[in-house]
Amino acid sequence: QAPGKQRELVAQILSGDTTNYADSVKGRFTISRDNAKNTVYLQM
């Protein structure tokens, strides 16, 4: 969420590791998960 703007989806990862991204970040951002660490990441 940027100042004065609505919150927007950036990236999502499903339980089967399927991912989807906002058009504005495709090719630049990567979402990933480490189930053993209960952690999700966003590489930008």
PDB file of all heavy atoms in Angstrom:
ATOM      1  N   GLN A   1       0.845  -1.189   0.000  1.00  0.00           N
ATOM      2  CA  GLN A   1       0.000   0.000   0.000  1.00  0.00           C
ATOM      3  C   GLN A   1       0.878   1.236   0.000  1.00  0.00           C
ATOM      4  O   GLN A   1       1.671   1.447   0.933  1.00  0.00           O
ATOM      5  CB  GLN A   1      -0.945   0.012   1.201  1.00  0.00           C
ATOM      6  CG  GLN A   1      -1.971   1.127   1.151  1.00  0.00           C
ATOM      7  CD  GLN A   1      -3.086   0.937   2.148  1.00  0.00           C
ATOM      8  OE1 GLN A   1      -2.968   0.189   3.121  1.00  0.00           O
ATOM      9  NE2 GLN A   1      -4.213   1.604   1.919  1.00  0.00           N
ATOM     10  N   ALA A   2       0.752   2.014  -1.052  1.00  0.00           N
ATOM     11  CA  ALA A   2       1.470   3.277  -1.164  1.00  0.00           C
ATOM     12  C   ALA A   2       0.582   4.392  -0.616  1.00  0.00           C
ATOM     13  O   ALA A   2      -0.652   4.256  -0.585  1.00  0.00           O
ATOM     14  CB  ALA A   2       1.828   3.542  -2.616  1.00  0.00           C
ATOM     15  N   PRO A   3       1.184   5.511  -0.208  1.00  0.00           N
ATOM     16  CA  PRO A   3       0.387   6.623   0.327  1.00  0.00           C
ATOM     17  C   PRO A   3      -0.686   7.071  -0.652  1.00  0.00           C
ATOM     18  O   PRO A   3      -0.422   7.285  -1.829  1.00  0.00           O
ATOM     19  CB  PRO A   3       1.430   7.716   0.544  1.00  0.00           C
ATOM     20  CG  PRO A   3       2.703   6.986   0.764  1.00  0.00           C
ATOM     21  CD  PRO A   3       2.629   5.792  -0.136  1.00  0.00           C
ATOM     22  N   GLY A   4      -1.917   7.174  -0.156  1.00  0.00           N
ATOM     23  CA  GLY A   4      -3.018   7.636  -0.982  1.00  0.00           C
ATOM     24  C   GLY A   4      -3.577   6.621  -1.947  1.00  0.00           C
ATOM     25  O   GLY A   4      -4.451   6.950  -2.756  1.00  0.00           O
ATOM     26  N   LYS A   5      -3.083   5.387  -1.877  1.00  0.00           N
ATOM     27  CA  LYS A   5      -3.547   4.355  -2.799  1.00  0.00           C
ATOM     28  C   LYS A   5      -4.138   3.177  -2.033  1.00  0.00           C
ATOM     29  O   LYS A   5      -3.875   2.982  -0.855  1.00  0.00           O
ATOM     30  CB  LYS A   5      -2.401   3.879  -3.688  1.00  0.00           C
ATOM     31  CG  LYS A   5      -1.866   4.947  -4.622  1.00  0.00           C
ATOM     32  CD  LYS A   5      -0.862   4.369  -5.602  1.00  0.00           C
ATOM     33  CE  LYS A   5      -0.392   5.420  -6.587  1.00  0.00           C
ATOM     34  NZ  LYS A   5       0.581   4.858  -7.558  1.00  0.00           N
ATOM     35  N   GLN A   6      -4.923   2.375  -2.735  1.00  0.00           N
ATOM     36  CA  GLN A   6      -5.481   1.179  -2.126  1.00  0.00           C
ATOM     37  C   GLN A   6      -4.423   0.079  -2.040  1.00  0.00           C
ATOM     38  O   GLN A   6      -3.474   0.043  -2.827  1.00  0.00           O
ATOM     39  CB  GLN A   6      -6.676   0.685  -2.961  1.00  0.00           C
ATOM     40  CG  GLN A   6      -7.910   1.564  -2.867  1.00  0.00           C
ATOM     41  CD  GLN A   6      -9.112   0.938  -3.545  1.00  0.00           C
ATOM     42  OE1 GLN A   6      -8.989   0.150  -4.471  1.00  0.00           O
ATOM     43  NE2 GLN A   6     -10.303   1.280  -3.052  1.00  0.00           N
ATOM     44  N   ARG A   7      -4.619  -0.807  -1.094  1.00  0.00           N
ATOM     45  CA  ARG A   7      -3.722  -1.953  -0.979  1.00  0.00           C
ATOM     46  C   ARG A   7      -3.907  -2.835  -2.210  1.00  0.00           C
ATOM     47  O   ARG A   7      -5.028  -3.050  -2.661  1.00  0.00           O
ATOM     48  CB  ARG A   7      -4.022  -2.745   0.295  1.00  0.00           C
ATOM     49  CG  ARG A   7      -2.977  -3.773   0.636  1.00  0.00           C
ATOM     50  CD  ARG A   7      -3.228  -4.420   1.989  1.00  0.00           C
ATOM     51  NE  ARG A   7      -3.129  -3.461   3.087  1.00  0.00           N
ATOM     52  CZ  ARG A   7      -3.083  -3.811   4.362  1.00  0.00           C
ATOM     53  NH1 ARG A   7      -3.141  -5.088   4.700  1.00  0.00           N
ATOM     54  NH2 ARG A   7      -3.010  -2.898   5.312  1.00  0.00           N
ATOM     55  N   GLU A   8      -2.793  -3.322  -2.747  1.00  0.00           N
ATOM     56  CA  GLU A   8      -2.850  -4.156  -3.946  1.00  0.00           C
ATOM     57  C   GLU A   8      -2.069  -5.442  -3.753  1.00  0.00           C
ATOM     58  O   GLU A   8      -1.067  -5.484  -3.039  1.00  0.00           O
ATOM     59  CB  GLU A   8      -2.299  -3.401  -5.163  1.00  0.00           C
ATOM     60  CG  GLU A   8      -0.848  -3.002  -5.042  1.00  0.00           C
ATOM     61  CD  GLU A   8      -0.294  -2.363  -6.314  1.00  0.00           C
ATOM     62  OE1 GLU A   8      -0.972  -2.371  -7.352  1.00  0.00           O
ATOM     63  OE2 GLU A   8       0.849  -1.869  -6.254  1.00  0.00           O
ATOM     64  N   LEU A   9      -2.543  -6.478  -4.412  1.00  0.00           N
ATOM     65  CA  LEU A   9      -1.848  -7.753  -4.401  1.00  0.00           C
ATOM     66  C   LEU A   9      -0.542  -7.634  -5.194  1.00  0.00           C
ATOM     67  O   LEU A   9      -0.536  -7.100  -6.304  1.00  0.00           O
ATOM     68  CB  LEU A   9      -2.726  -8.826  -5.024  1.00  0.00           C
ATOM     69  CG  LEU A   9      -2.097 -10.196  -5.256  1.00  0.00           C
ATOM     70  CD1 LEU A   9      -1.776 -10.873  -3.942  1.00  0.00           C
ATOM     71  CD2 LEU A   9      -3.011 -11.071  -6.102  1.00  0.00           C
ATOM     72  N   VAL A  10       0.527  -8.127  -4.623  1.00  0.00           N
ATOM     73  CA  VAL A  10       1.824  -8.127  -5.302  1.00  0.00           C
ATOM     74  C   VAL A  10       2.149  -9.531  -5.815  1.00  0.00           C
ATOM     75  O   VAL A  10       2.481  -9.715  -6.981  1.00  0.00           O
ATOM     76  CB  VAL A  10       2.937  -7.646  -4.362  1.00  0.00           C
ATOM     77  CG1 VAL A  10       4.304  -7.786  -5.029  1.00  0.00           C
ATOM     78  CG2 VAL A  10       2.692  -6.202  -3.935  1.00  0.00           C
ATOM     79  N   ALA A  11       2.060 -10.518  -4.934  1.00  0.00           N
ATOM     80  CA  ALA A  11       2.404 -11.884  -5.314  1.00  0.00           C
ATOM     81  C   ALA A  11       1.730 -12.852  -4.359  1.00  0.00           C
ATOM     82  O   ALA A  11       1.513 -12.527  -3.190  1.00  0.00           O
ATOM     83  CB  ALA A  11       3.916 -12.094  -5.285  1.00  0.00           C
ATOM     84  N   GLN A  12       1.439 -14.044  -4.861  1.00  0.00           N
ATOM     85  CA  GLN A  12       0.778 -15.056  -4.059  1.00  0.00           C
ATOM     86  C   GLN A  12       1.347 -16.412  -4.414  1.00  0.00           C
ATOM     87  O   GLN A  12       1.691 -16.665  -5.564  1.00  0.00           O
ATOM     88  CB  GLN A  12      -0.733 -15.016  -4.329  1.00  0.00           C
ATOM     89  CG  GLN A  12      -1.562 -15.949  -3.467  1.00  0.00           C
ATOM     90  CD  GLN A  12      -3.034 -15.578  -3.534  1.00  0.00           C
ATOM     91  OE1 GLN A  12      -3.543 -14.815  -2.719  1.00  0.00           O
ATOM     92  NE2 GLN A  12      -3.726 -16.135  -4.526  1.00  0.00           N
ATOM     93  N   ILE A  13       1.460 -17.287  -3.405  1.00  0.00           N
ATOM     94  CA  ILE A  13       1.946 -18.640  -3.623  1.00  0.00           C
ATOM     95  C   ILE A  13       0.966 -19.599  -2.967  1.00  0.00           C
ATOM     96  O   ILE A  13       0.617 -19.459  -1.792  1.00  0.00           O
ATOM     97  CB  ILE A  13       3.390 -18.809  -3.093  1.00  0.00           C
ATOM     98  CG1 ILE A  13       3.920 -20.211  -3.420  1.00  0.00           C
ATOM     99  CG2 ILE A  13       3.496 -18.496  -1.602  1.00  0.00           C
ATOM    100  CD1 ILE A  13       5.440 -20.319  -3.225  1.00  0.00           C
ATOM    101  N   LEU A  14       0.511 -20.574  -3.748  1.00  0.00           N
ATOM    102  CA  LEU A  14      -0.450 -21.547  -3.247  1.00  0.00           C
ATOM    103  C   LEU A  14       0.265 -22.720  -2.590  1.00  0.00           C
ATOM    104  O   LEU A  14       1.489 -22.844  -2.692  1.00  0.00           O
ATOM    105  CB  LEU A  14      -1.336 -22.024  -4.402  1.00  0.00           C
ATOM    106  CG  LEU A  14      -2.019 -20.936  -5.225  1.00  0.00           C
ATOM    107  CD1 LEU A  14      -2.924 -21.537  -6.281  1.00  0.00           C
ATOM    108  CD2 LEU A  14      -2.776 -19.976  -4.342  1.00  0.00           C
ATOM    109  N   SER A  15      -0.487 -23.595  -1.951  1.00  0.00           N
ATOM    110  CA  SER A  15       0.109 -24.709  -1.228  1.00  0.00           C
ATOM    111  C   SER A  15       0.908 -25.624  -2.150  1.00  0.00           C
ATOM    112  O   SER A  15       1.871 -26.241  -1.724  1.00  0.00           O
ATOM    113  CB  SER A  15      -0.968 -25.514  -0.498  1.00  0.00           C
ATOM    114  OG  SER A  15      -1.920 -26.007  -1.410  1.00  0.00           O
ATOM    115  N   GLY A  16       0.543 -25.706  -3.422  1.00  0.00           N
ATOM    116  CA  GLY A  16       1.284 -26.522  -4.370  1.00  0.00           C
ATOM    117  C   GLY A  16       2.398 -25.771  -5.061  1.00  0.00           C
ATOM    118  O   GLY A  16       2.968 -26.252  -6.039  1.00  0.00           O
ATOM    119  N   ASP A  17       2.718 -24.578  -4.533  1.00  0.00           N
ATOM    120  CA  ASP A  17       3.796 -23.721  -5.042  1.00  0.00           C
ATOM    121  C   ASP A  17       3.470 -23.036  -6.369  1.00  0.00           C
ATOM    122  O   ASP A  17       4.364 -22.486  -7.004  1.00  0.00           O
ATOM    123  CB  ASP A  17       5.119 -24.468  -5.139  1.00  0.00           C
ATOM    124  CG  ASP A  17       5.730 -24.716  -3.766  1.00  0.00           C
ATOM    125  OD1 ASP A  17       5.277 -24.073  -2.796  1.00  0.00           O
ATOM    126  OD2 ASP A  17       6.647 -25.546  -3.664  1.00  0.00           O
ATOM    127  N   THR A  18       2.223 -23.077  -6.791  1.00  0.00           N
ATOM    128  CA  THR A  18       1.809 -22.230  -7.915  1.00  0.00           C
ATOM    129  C   THR A  18       1.883 -20.773  -7.472  1.00  0.00           C
ATOM    130  O   THR A  18       1.481 -20.442  -6.354  1.00  0.00           O
ATOM    131  CB  THR A  18       0.377 -22.566  -8.343  1.00  0.00           C
ATOM    132  OG1 THR A  18       0.320 -23.922  -8.777  1.00  0.00           O
ATOM    133  CG2 THR A  18      -0.089 -21.650  -9.463  1.00  0.00           C
ATOM    134  N   THR A  19       2.411 -19.930  -8.343  1.00  0.00           N
ATOM    135  CA  THR A  19       2.558 -18.523  -7.992  1.00  0.00           C
ATOM    136  C   THR A  19       1.813 -17.641  -8.989  1.00  0.00           C
ATOM    137  O   THR A  19       1.590 -18.031 -10.139  1.00  0.00           O
ATOM    138  CB  THR A  19       4.031 -18.102  -7.977  1.00  0.00           C
ATOM    139  OG1 THR A  19       4.614 -18.371  -9.263  1.00  0.00           O
ATOM    140  CG2 THR A  19       4.810 -18.875  -6.924  1.00  0.00           C
ATOM    141  N   ASN A  20       1.441 -16.462  -8.533  1.00  0.00           N
ATOM    142  CA  ASN A  20       0.932 -15.446  -9.447  1.00  0.00           C
ATOM    143  C   ASN A  20       1.379 -14.084  -8.967  1.00  0.00           C
ATOM    144  O   ASN A  20       1.660 -13.885  -7.774  1.00  0.00           O
ATOM    145  CB  ASN A  20      -0.581 -15.526  -9.620  1.00  0.00           C
ATOM    146  CG  ASN A  20      -1.329 -15.501  -8.315  1.00  0.00           C
ATOM    147  OD1 ASN A  20      -1.432 -14.459  -7.677  1.00  0.00           O
ATOM    148  ND2 ASN A  20      -1.852 -16.636  -7.911  1.00  0.00           N
ATOM    149  N   TYR A  21       1.498 -13.173  -9.923  1.00  0.00           N
ATOM    150  CA  TYR A  21       2.093 -11.864  -9.665  1.00  0.00           C
ATOM    151  C   TYR A  21       1.253 -10.759 -10.302  1.00  0.00           C
ATOM    152  O   TYR A  21       0.594 -10.961 -11.340  1.00  0.00           O
ATOM    153  CB  TYR A  21       3.500 -11.791 -10.262  1.00  0.00           C
ATOM    154  CG  TYR A  21       4.474 -12.771  -9.671  1.00  0.00           C
ATOM    155  CD1 TYR A  21       4.658 -14.031 -10.218  1.00  0.00           C
ATOM    156  CD2 TYR A  21       5.232 -12.431  -8.545  1.00  0.00           C
ATOM    157  CE1 TYR A  21       5.544 -14.934  -9.671  1.00  0.00           C
ATOM    158  CE2 TYR A  21       6.130 -13.320  -7.990  1.00  0.00           C
ATOM    159  CZ  TYR A  21       6.276 -14.576  -8.554  1.00  0.00           C
ATOM    160  OH  TYR A  21       7.162 -15.464  -8.005  1.00  0.00           O
ATOM    161  N   ALA A  22       1.327  -9.587  -9.699  1.00  0.00           N
ATOM    162  CA  ALA A  22       0.783  -8.399 -10.346  1.00  0.00           C
ATOM    163  C   ALA A  22       1.598  -8.120 -11.604  1.00  0.00           C
ATOM    164  O   ALA A  22       2.814  -8.357 -11.627  1.00  0.00           O
ATOM    165  CB  ALA A  22       0.851  -7.211  -9.400  1.00  0.00           C
ATOM    166  N   ASP A  23       0.945  -7.605 -12.627  1.00  0.00           N
ATOM    167  CA  ASP A  23       1.649  -7.315 -13.877  1.00  0.00           C
ATOM    168  C   ASP A  23       2.829  -6.367 -13.658  1.00  0.00           C
ATOM    169  O   ASP A  23       3.856  -6.476 -14.334  1.00  0.00           O
ATOM    170  CB  ASP A  23       0.680  -6.705 -14.893  1.00  0.00           C
ATOM    171  CG  ASP A  23      -0.304  -7.725 -15.450  1.00  0.00           C
ATOM    172  OD1 ASP A  23      -0.046  -8.944 -15.330  1.00  0.00           O
ATOM    173  OD2 ASP A  23      -1.338  -7.298 -16.003  1.00  0.00           O
ATOM    174  N   SER A  24       2.679  -5.461 -12.708  1.00  0.00           N
ATOM    175  CA  SER A  24       3.701  -4.445 -12.485  1.00  0.00           C
ATOM    176  C   SER A  24       4.998  -5.003 -11.920  1.00  0.00           C
ATOM    177  O   SER A  24       6.032  -4.325 -11.959  1.00  0.00           O
ATOM    178  CB  SER A  24       3.167  -3.357 -11.550  1.00  0.00           C
ATOM    179  OG  SER A  24       2.771  -3.920 -10.309  1.00  0.00           O
ATOM    180  N   VAL A  25       4.974  -6.226 -11.389  1.00  0.00           N
ATOM    181  CA  VAL A  25       6.191  -6.791 -10.775  1.00  0.00           C
ATOM    182  C   VAL A  25       6.671  -8.063 -11.470  1.00  0.00           C
ATOM    183  O   VAL A  25       7.722  -8.591 -11.103  1.00  0.00           O
ATOM    184  CB  VAL A  25       5.984  -7.068  -9.275  1.00  0.00           C
ATOM    185  CG1 VAL A  25       5.478  -5.829  -8.555  1.00  0.00           C
ATOM    186  CG2 VAL A  25       5.054  -8.258  -9.042  1.00  0.00           C
ATOM    187  N   LYS A  26       5.932  -8.543 -12.450  1.00  0.00           N
ATOM    188  CA  LYS A  26       6.329  -9.773 -13.143  1.00  0.00           C
ATOM    189  C   LYS A  26       7.721  -9.625 -13.741  1.00  0.00           C
ATOM    190  O   LYS A  26       8.044  -8.608 -14.354  1.00  0.00           O
ATOM    191  CB  LYS A  26       5.328 -10.109 -14.248  1.00  0.00           C
ATOM    192  CG  LYS A  26       4.060 -10.757 -13.754  1.00  0.00           C
ATOM    193  CD  LYS A  26       3.120 -11.069 -14.906  1.00  0.00           C
ATOM    194  CE  LYS A  26       1.822 -11.689 -14.399  1.00  0.00           C
ATOM    195  NZ  LYS A  26       0.858 -11.935 -15.496  1.00  0.00           N
ATOM    196  N   GLY A  27       8.535 -10.649 -13.536  1.00  0.00           N
ATOM    197  CA  GLY A  27       9.899 -10.633 -14.042  1.00  0.00           C
ATOM    198  C   GLY A  27      10.891  -9.937 -13.132  1.00  0.00           C
ATOM    199  O   GLY A  27      12.102 -10.020 -13.353  1.00  0.00           O
ATOM    200  N   ARG A  28      10.393  -9.260 -12.107  1.00  0.00           N
ATOM    201  CA  ARG A  28      11.290  -8.553 -11.171  1.00  0.00           C
ATOM    202  C   ARG A  28      11.203  -9.115  -9.758  1.00  0.00           C
ATOM    203  O   ARG A  28      12.208  -9.134  -9.046  1.00  0.00           O
ATOM    204  CB  ARG A  28      10.940  -7.053 -11.132  1.00  0.00           C
ATOM    205  CG  ARG A  28      11.052  -6.361 -12.460  1.00  0.00           C
ATOM    206  CD  ARG A  28      10.900  -4.842 -12.304  1.00  0.00           C
ATOM    207  NE  ARG A  28       9.583  -4.466 -11.795  1.00  0.00           N
ATOM    208  CZ  ARG A  28       9.394  -3.761 -10.669  1.00  0.00           C
ATOM    209  NH1 ARG A  28      10.430  -3.369  -9.945  1.00  0.00           N
ATOM    210  NH2 ARG A  28       8.169  -3.424 -10.303  1.00  0.00           N
ATOM    211  N   PHE A  29      10.021  -9.545  -9.350  1.00  0.00           N
ATOM    212  CA  PHE A  29       9.811 -10.065  -7.992  1.00  0.00           C
ATOM    213  C   PHE A  29       9.602 -11.574  -8.048  1.00  0.00           C
ATOM    214  O   PHE A  29       9.017 -12.100  -9.002  1.00  0.00           O
ATOM    215  CB  PHE A  29       8.577  -9.436  -7.360  1.00  0.00           C
ATOM    216  CG  PHE A  29       8.704  -7.973  -7.016  1.00  0.00           C
ATOM    217  CD1 PHE A  29       9.762  -7.193  -7.463  1.00  0.00           C
ATOM    218  CD2 PHE A  29       7.732  -7.365  -6.224  1.00  0.00           C
ATOM    219  CE1 PHE A  29       9.869  -5.854  -7.136  1.00  0.00           C
ATOM    220  CE2 PHE A  29       7.823  -6.019  -5.881  1.00  0.00           C
ATOM    221  CZ  PHE A  29       8.889  -5.269  -6.342  1.00  0.00           C
ATOM    222  N   THR A  30      10.047 -12.258  -6.994  1.00  0.00           N
ATOM    223  CA  THR A  30       9.843 -13.696  -6.876  1.00  0.00           C
ATOM    224  C   THR A  30       9.384 -14.024  -5.465  1.00  0.00           C
ATOM    225  O   THR A  30      10.057 -13.664  -4.490  1.00  0.00           O
ATOM    226  CB  THR A  30      11.132 -14.468  -7.180  1.00  0.00           C
ATOM    227  OG1 THR A  30      11.598 -14.141  -8.494  1.00  0.00           O
ATOM    228  CG2 THR A  30      10.888 -15.971  -7.107  1.00  0.00           C
ATOM    229  N   ILE A  31       8.262 -14.720  -5.368  1.00  0.00           N
ATOM    230  CA  ILE A  31       7.769 -15.179  -4.071  1.00  0.00           C
ATOM    231  C   ILE A  31       8.167 -16.638  -3.890  1.00  0.00           C
ATOM    232  O   ILE A  31       8.153 -17.429  -4.851  1.00  0.00           O
ATOM    233  CB  ILE A  31       6.234 -15.004  -3.952  1.00  0.00           C
ATOM    234  CG1 ILE A  31       5.756 -15.312  -2.529  1.00  0.00           C
ATOM    235  CG2 ILE A  31       5.486 -15.839  -4.994  1.00  0.00           C
ATOM    236  CD1 ILE A  31       4.301 -14.932  -2.286  1.00  0.00           C
ATOM    237  N   SER A  32       8.550 -16.991  -2.676  1.00  0.00           N
ATOM    238  CA  SER A  32       8.919 -18.372  -2.384  1.00  0.00           C
ATOM    239  C   SER A  32       8.568 -18.679  -0.933  1.00  0.00           C
ATOM    240  O   SER A  32       8.234 -17.772  -0.162  1.00  0.00           O
ATOM    241  CB  SER A  32      10.417 -18.600  -2.639  1.00  0.00           C
ATOM    242  OG  SER A  32      11.196 -17.786  -1.790  1.00  0.00           O
ATOM    243  N   ARG A  33       8.654 -19.945  -0.581  1.00  0.00           N
ATOM    244  CA  ARG A  33       8.296 -20.348   0.770  1.00  0.00           C
ATOM    245  C   ARG A  33       9.260 -21.421   1.257  1.00  0.00           C
ATOM    246  O   ARG A  33       9.799 -22.193   0.462  1.00  0.00           O
ATOM    247  CB  ARG A  33       6.865 -20.887   0.797  1.00  0.00           C
ATOM    248  CG  ARG A  33       6.661 -22.125  -0.065  1.00  0.00           C
ATOM    249  CD  ARG A  33       5.176 -22.355  -0.374  1.00  0.00           C
ATOM    250  NE  ARG A  33       4.427 -22.687   0.827  1.00  0.00           N
ATOM    251  CZ  ARG A  33       3.118 -22.535   0.926  1.00  0.00           C
ATOM    252  NH1 ARG A  33       2.417 -22.057  -0.092  1.00  0.00           N
ATOM    253  NH2 ARG A  33       2.497 -22.868   2.040  1.00  0.00           N
ATOM    254  N   ASP A  34       9.464 -21.448   2.566  1.00  0.00           N
ATOM    255  CA  ASP A  34      10.227 -22.507   3.214  1.00  0.00           C
ATOM    256  C   ASP A  34       9.303 -23.094   4.274  1.00  0.00           C
ATOM    257  O   ASP A  34       9.144 -22.518   5.359  1.00  0.00           O
ATOM    258  CB  ASP A  34      11.509 -21.944   3.829  1.00  0.00           C
ATOM    259  CG  ASP A  34      12.398 -23.038   4.396  1.00  0.00           C
ATOM    260  OD1 ASP A  34      11.889 -24.111   4.797  1.00  0.00           O
ATOM    261  OD2 ASP A  34      13.612 -22.819   4.466  1.00  0.00           O
ATOM    262  N   ASN A  35       8.691 -24.211   3.957  1.00  0.00           N
ATOM    263  CA  ASN A  35       7.715 -24.790   4.875  1.00  0.00           C
ATOM    264  C   ASN A  35       8.350 -25.234   6.194  1.00  0.00           C
ATOM    265  O   ASN A  35       7.699 -25.185   7.242  1.00  0.00           O
ATOM    266  CB  ASN A  35       7.010 -25.970   4.207  1.00  0.00           C
ATOM    267  CG  ASN A  35       6.134 -25.541   3.051  1.00  0.00           C
ATOM    268  OD1 ASN A  35       5.650 -24.398   3.002  1.00  0.00           O
ATOM    269  ND2 ASN A  35       5.925 -26.424   2.093  1.00  0.00           N
ATOM    270  N   ALA A  36       9.593 -25.654   6.132  1.00  0.00           N
ATOM    271  CA  ALA A  36      10.275 -26.096   7.357  1.00  0.00           C
ATOM    272  C   ALA A  36      10.487 -24.944   8.327  1.00  0.00           C
ATOM    273  O   ALA A  36      10.525 -25.145   9.545  1.00  0.00           O
ATOM    274  CB  ALA A  36      11.611 -26.742   7.004  1.00  0.00           C
ATOM    275  N   LYS A  37      10.624 -23.744   7.791  1.00  0.00           N
ATOM    276  CA  LYS A  37      10.856 -22.562   8.624  1.00  0.00           C
ATOM    277  C   LYS A  37       9.586 -21.725   8.814  1.00  0.00           C
ATOM    278  O   LYS A  37       9.642 -20.661   9.444  1.00  0.00           O
ATOM    279  CB  LYS A  37      11.951 -21.689   8.014  1.00  0.00           C
ATOM    280  CG  LYS A  37      13.316 -22.355   7.971  1.00  0.00           C
ATOM    281  CD  LYS A  37      14.369 -21.410   7.398  1.00  0.00           C
ATOM    282  CE  LYS A  37      15.748 -22.056   7.414  1.00  0.00           C
ATOM    283  NZ  LYS A  37      16.783 -21.146   6.858  1.00  0.00           N
ATOM    284  N   ASN A  38       8.476 -22.169   8.240  1.00  0.00           N
ATOM    285  CA  ASN A  38       7.217 -21.400   8.322  1.00  0.00           C
ATOM    286  C   ASN A  38       7.428 -19.959   7.881  1.00  0.00           C
ATOM    287  O   ASN A  38       6.962 -19.008   8.535  1.00  0.00           O
ATOM    288  CB  ASN A  38       6.640 -21.444   9.735  1.00  0.00           C
ATOM    289  CG  ASN A  38       6.192 -22.826  10.143  1.00  0.00           C
ATOM    290  OD1 ASN A  38       5.914 -23.675   9.285  1.00  0.00           O
ATOM    291  ND2 ASN A  38       6.138 -23.078  11.431  1.00  0.00           N
ATOM    292  N   THR A  39       8.137 -19.794   6.765  1.00  0.00           N
ATOM    293  CA  THR A  39       8.520 -18.468   6.301  1.00  0.00           C
ATOM    294  C   THR A  39       8.229 -18.330   4.807  1.00  0.00           C
ATOM    295  O   THR A  39       8.468 -19.260   4.038  1.00  0.00           O
ATOM    296  CB  THR A  39      10.001 -18.201   6.573  1.00  0.00           C
ATOM    297  OG1 THR A  39      10.248 -18.307   7.983  1.00  0.00           O
ATOM    298  CG2 THR A  39      10.404 -16.803   6.111  1.00  0.00           C
ATOM    299  N   VAL A  40       7.736 -17.159   4.439  1.00  0.00           N
ATOM    300  CA  VAL A  40       7.533 -16.830   3.032  1.00  0.00           C
ATOM    301  C   VAL A  40       8.409 -15.624   2.710  1.00  0.00           C
ATOM    302  O   VAL A  40       8.613 -14.740   3.557  1.00  0.00           O
ATOM    303  CB  VAL A  40       6.047 -16.561   2.729  1.00  0.00           C
ATOM    304  CG1 VAL A  40       5.496 -15.407   3.548  1.00  0.00           C
ATOM    305  CG2 VAL A  40       5.810 -16.338   1.250  1.00  0.00           C
ATOM    306  N   TYR A  41       8.946 -15.607   1.501  1.00  0.00           N
ATOM    307  CA  TYR A  41       9.898 -14.585   1.094  1.00  0.00           C
ATOM    308  C   TYR A  41       9.384 -13.831  -0.136  1.00  0.00           C
ATOM    309  O   TYR A  41       8.590 -14.356  -0.916  1.00  0.00           O
ATOM    310  CB  TYR A  41      11.249 -15.214   0.749  1.00  0.00           C
ATOM    311  CG  TYR A  41      11.845 -16.042   1.849  1.00  0.00           C
ATOM    312  CD1 TYR A  41      11.701 -17.430   1.869  1.00  0.00           C
ATOM    313  CD2 TYR A  41      12.562 -15.440   2.877  1.00  0.00           C
ATOM    314  CE1 TYR A  41      12.244 -18.192   2.885  1.00  0.00           C
ATOM    315  CE2 TYR A  41      13.119 -16.203   3.899  1.00  0.00           C
ATOM    316  CZ  TYR A  41      12.951 -17.575   3.892  1.00  0.00           C
ATOM    317  OH  TYR A  41      13.498 -18.329   4.911  1.00  0.00           O
ATOM    318  N   LEU A  42       9.898 -12.635  -0.300  1.00  0.00           N
ATOM    319  CA  LEU A  42       9.664 -11.877  -1.524  1.00  0.00           C
ATOM    320  C   LEU A  42      11.000 -11.276  -1.946  1.00  0.00           C
ATOM    321  O   LEU A  42      11.505 -10.365  -1.292  1.00  0.00           O
ATOM    322  CB  LEU A  42       8.622 -10.784  -1.336  1.00  0.00           C
ATOM    323  CG  LEU A  42       8.235 -10.047  -2.610  1.00  0.00           C
ATOM    324  CD1 LEU A  42       7.476 -10.971  -3.567  1.00  0.00           C
ATOM    325  CD2 LEU A  42       7.404  -8.799  -2.307  1.00  0.00           C
ATOM    326  N   GLN A  43      11.573 -11.829  -2.996  1.00  0.00           N
ATOM    327  CA  GLN A  43      12.801 -11.281  -3.553  1.00  0.00           C
ATOM    328  C   GLN A  43      12.415 -10.217  -4.570  1.00  0.00           C
ATOM    329  O   GLN A  43      11.695 -10.500  -5.529  1.00  0.00           O
ATOM    330  CB  GLN A  43      13.624 -12.387  -4.230  1.00  0.00           C
ATOM    331  CG  GLN A  43      14.881 -11.902  -4.900  1.00  0.00           C
ATOM    332  CD  GLN A  43      15.913 -11.385  -3.908  1.00  0.00           C
ATOM    333  OE1 GLN A  43      16.147 -12.004  -2.869  1.00  0.00           O
ATOM    334  NE2 GLN A  43      16.531 -10.250  -4.220  1.00  0.00           N
ATOM    335  N   MET A  44      12.907  -9.013  -4.353  1.00  0.00           N
ATOM    336  CA  MET A  44      12.557  -7.882  -5.213  1.00  0.00           C
ATOM    337  C   MET A  44      13.821  -7.367  -5.889  1.00  0.00           C
ATOM    338  O   MET A  44      14.748  -6.908  -5.216  1.00  0.00           O
ATOM    339  CB  MET A  44      11.905  -6.779  -4.388  1.00  0.00           C
ATOM    340  CG  MET A  44      10.697  -7.245  -3.585  1.00  0.00           C
ATOM    341  SD  MET A  44       9.840  -5.905  -2.744  1.00  0.00           S
ATOM    342  CE  MET A  44      11.081  -5.415  -1.556  1.00  0.00           C
TER     343      MET A  44
END
